[in-house]
């Protein structure tokens, strides 16, 4: 397993390979999936965290079933750009995944993703209880959508349509 930049991922991906987005929390892992054209991110049910080994097994079973080519994982930066308190835990999670999979990970700045997800769920009139269940996967969807938008921009720059 390697960590890649979004630019390296753009070069590595083949057409039709979906990618997954992750929002790593202490109790759950928010999960989102791209479509095969890598245009849209869709939230998936959260993974309830137990311990790392079980979390990794569930995540990798999902990746195998969905034929995931890479993971984009939110990196919780502070608003000033410095590393937030959960950055170390996120990096440690990715390092631990290196023993379990060859799939690459891309770190993606997740600033304001939870705020945006909360706002979107409020606008859809989702109840407080349902918001609590869905917020992490909605945040993963925002994280993944940001990466998909960047991949799209890189595709036009690096591989212009003829």
Protein backbone atom coordinates (compact mmCIF):
# COMPACT_ATOMS: atom_id res chain seq x y z
CA UNK A 1 0.00 0.00 0.00
CA UNK A 2 1.20 3.46 -0.79
CA UNK A 3 0.04 6.95 -0.14
CA UNK A 4 -0.29 9.00 -3.29
CA UNK A 5 -0.97 12.58 -4.16
CA UNK A 6 -4.16 13.24 -6.07
CA UNK A 7 -2.00 14.01 -9.11
CA UNK A 8 -0.31 10.59 -8.90
CA UNK A 9 -3.69 8.91 -8.48
CA UNK A 10 -4.97 10.67 -11.63
CA UNK A 11 -2.15 9.09 -13.64
CA UNK A 12 -2.54 5.64 -12.07
CA UNK A 13 -6.31 5.14 -12.39
CA UNK A 14 -7.77 3.29 -15.34
CA UNK A 15 -11.17 4.19 -16.81
CA UNK A 16 -14.06 2.64 -14.93
CA UNK A 17 -12.20 2.14 -11.66
CA UNK A 18 -14.22 3.52 -8.73
CA UNK A 19 -12.68 5.04 -5.61
CA UNK A 20 -13.97 5.20 -2.05
CA UNK A 21 -13.98 8.10 0.39
CA UNK A 22 -13.42 7.72 4.12
CA UNK A 23 -14.12 9.97 7.09
CA UNK A 24 -12.30 8.37 10.01
CA UNK A 25 -13.96 8.95 13.36
CA UNK A 26 -13.39 7.47 16.79
CA UNK A 27 -16.69 5.52 16.76
CA UNK A 28 -17.46 5.16 13.06
CA UNK A 29 -15.86 5.29 9.64
CA UNK A 30 -17.89 7.31 7.19
CA UNK A 31 -17.92 5.70 3.77
CA UNK A 32 -18.71 6.99 0.29
CA UNK A 33 -18.31 5.53 -3.17
CA UNK A 34 -17.74 7.05 -6.59
CA UNK A 35 -19.62 6.00 -9.68
CA UNK A 36 -17.63 4.22 -12.40
CA UNK A 37 -17.15 7.49 -14.29
CA UNK A 38 -15.78 9.08 -11.10
CA UNK A 39 -18.14 12.05 -11.36
CA UNK A 40 -20.35 11.59 -8.29
CA UNK A 41 -19.79 10.56 -4.69
CA UNK A 42 -22.58 8.66 -2.94
CA UNK A 43 -22.71 8.08 0.84
CA UNK A 44 -22.77 4.47 2.02
CA UNK A 45 -23.64 3.11 5.47
CA UNK A 46 -21.04 3.86 8.15
CA UNK A 47 -18.74 1.20 9.51
CA UNK A 48 -19.11 0.97 13.28
CA UNK A 49 -15.61 0.82 14.71
CA UNK A 50 -14.67 -2.08 16.95
CA UNK A 51 -10.91 -2.53 16.81
CA UNK A 52 -8.48 -1.98 13.98
CA UNK A 53 -8.29 -5.59 12.73
CA UNK A 54 -12.07 -5.89 12.44
CA UNK A 55 -12.42 -2.39 10.98
CA UNK A 56 -9.82 -3.25 8.32
CA UNK A 57 -11.55 -6.54 7.46
CA UNK A 58 -14.92 -4.82 6.96
CA UNK A 59 -13.35 -2.02 4.92
CA UNK A 60 -11.36 -4.38 2.71
CA UNK A 61 -14.36 -6.68 2.16
CA UNK A 62 -16.29 -3.61 0.97
CA UNK A 63 -13.38 -2.61 -1.28
CA UNK A 64 -13.21 -6.07 -2.83
CA UNK A 65 -16.96 -6.27 -3.38
CA UNK A 66 -17.09 -2.80 -4.99
CA UNK A 67 -13.79 -3.23 -6.89
CA UNK A 68 -12.34 -0.10 -5.28
CA UNK A 69 -9.10 1.10 -6.91
CA UNK A 70 -8.08 3.56 -4.16
CA UNK A 71 -9.21 5.27 -0.98
CA UNK A 72 -9.43 9.01 -0.40
CA UNK A 73 -9.29 9.63 3.35
CA UNK A 74 -10.08 12.91 5.04
CA UNK A 75 -7.18 14.58 6.81
CA UNK A 76 -8.54 16.71 9.67
CA UNK A 77 -6.56 19.93 9.33
CA UNK A 78 -7.13 23.05 11.42
CA UNK A 79 -8.55 26.14 9.74
CA UNK A 80 -5.07 27.75 9.74
CA UNK A 81 -3.65 24.78 7.78
CA UNK A 82 -1.83 23.19 10.71
CA UNK A 83 -2.33 19.54 11.64
CA UNK A 84 -5.41 19.00 13.77
CA UNK A 85 -5.47 16.67 16.79
CA UNK A 86 -6.83 13.73 14.76
CA UNK A 87 -4.23 13.95 11.96
CA UNK A 88 -1.83 11.63 13.79
CA UNK A 89 -4.56 9.00 14.31
CA UNK A 90 -5.55 9.22 10.63
CA UNK A 91 -1.96 8.80 9.45
CA UNK A 92 -1.47 5.87 11.87
CA UNK A 93 -4.62 4.19 10.50
CA UNK A 94 -3.29 4.47 6.94
CA UNK A 95 0.14 3.16 8.01
CA UNK A 96 -1.54 0.18 9.69
CA UNK A 97 -3.54 -0.50 6.53
CA UNK A 98 -0.22 -0.92 4.68
CA UNK A 99 0.08 -4.41 6.19
CA UNK A 100 -3.40 -5.33 5.00
CA UNK A 101 -3.72 -4.04 1.43
CA UNK A 102 -1.88 -2.85 -1.65
CA UNK A 103 -4.64 -0.33 -2.43
CA UNK A 104 -3.34 3.24 -2.41
CA UNK A 105 -4.59 5.97 -0.08
CA UNK A 106 -4.80 9.67 -0.85
CA UNK A 107 -5.01 12.16 2.01
CA UNK A 108 -7.56 14.91 1.35
CA UNK A 109 -8.02 18.06 3.42
CA UNK A 110 -11.38 17.61 5.08
CA UNK A 111 -11.79 21.10 6.54
CA UNK A 112 -15.47 21.99 6.80
CA UNK A 113 -16.65 18.67 5.30
CA UNK A 114 -18.67 17.81 8.41
CA UNK A 115 -20.11 21.34 8.50
CA UNK A 116 -21.13 21.05 4.84
CA UNK A 117 -22.59 17.59 5.44
CA UNK A 118 -24.57 18.82 8.45
CA UNK A 119 -25.92 21.75 6.46
CA UNK A 120 -26.95 19.49 3.57
CA UNK A 121 -28.74 17.08 5.91
CA UNK A 122 -30.52 19.99 7.61
CA UNK A 123 -31.65 21.33 4.24
CA UNK A 124 -33.08 17.89 3.45
CA UNK A 125 -35.02 18.09 6.74
CA UNK A 126 -33.34 14.97 8.15
CA UNK A 127 -34.21 14.46 11.83
CA UNK A 128 -31.53 14.90 14.50
CA UNK A 129 -31.38 11.14 15.18
CA UNK A 130 -31.00 10.32 11.48
CA UNK A 131 -28.40 13.08 11.04
CA UNK A 132 -26.28 11.50 13.78
CA UNK A 133 -26.41 8.17 11.89
CA UNK A 134 -25.62 9.69 8.50
CA UNK A 135 -23.23 12.57 9.19
CA UNK A 136 -19.97 10.61 8.85
CA UNK A 137 -20.90 9.06 5.51
CA UNK A 138 -22.20 12.41 4.28
CA UNK A 139 -18.85 13.94 5.28
CA UNK A 140 -17.03 11.10 3.47
CA UNK A 141 -19.12 11.94 0.42
CA UNK A 142 -18.05 15.61 0.57
CA UNK A 143 -14.41 14.54 0.97
CA UNK A 144 -14.63 12.17 -1.99
CA UNK A 145 -16.51 14.68 -4.15
CA UNK A 146 -13.72 17.22 -3.62
CA UNK A 147 -11.17 14.65 -4.78
CA UNK A 148 -13.34 13.64 -7.76
CA UNK A 149 -13.66 17.28 -8.81
CA UNK A 150 -9.87 17.63 -8.64
CA UNK A 151 -9.38 14.43 -10.64
CA UNK A 152 -11.76 15.78 -13.26
CA UNK A 153 -9.80 19.03 -13.48
CA UNK A 154 -6.53 17.12 -13.75
CA UNK A 155 -8.00 14.93 -16.48
CA UNK A 156 -8.74 17.98 -18.60
CA UNK A 157 -5.29 19.41 -17.94
CA UNK A 158 -3.20 16.26 -18.30
CA UNK A 159 -5.35 14.31 -20.76
CA UNK A 160 -7.27 16.84 -22.88
CA UNK A 161 -10.20 15.52 -24.88
CA UNK A 162 -9.64 15.46 -28.64
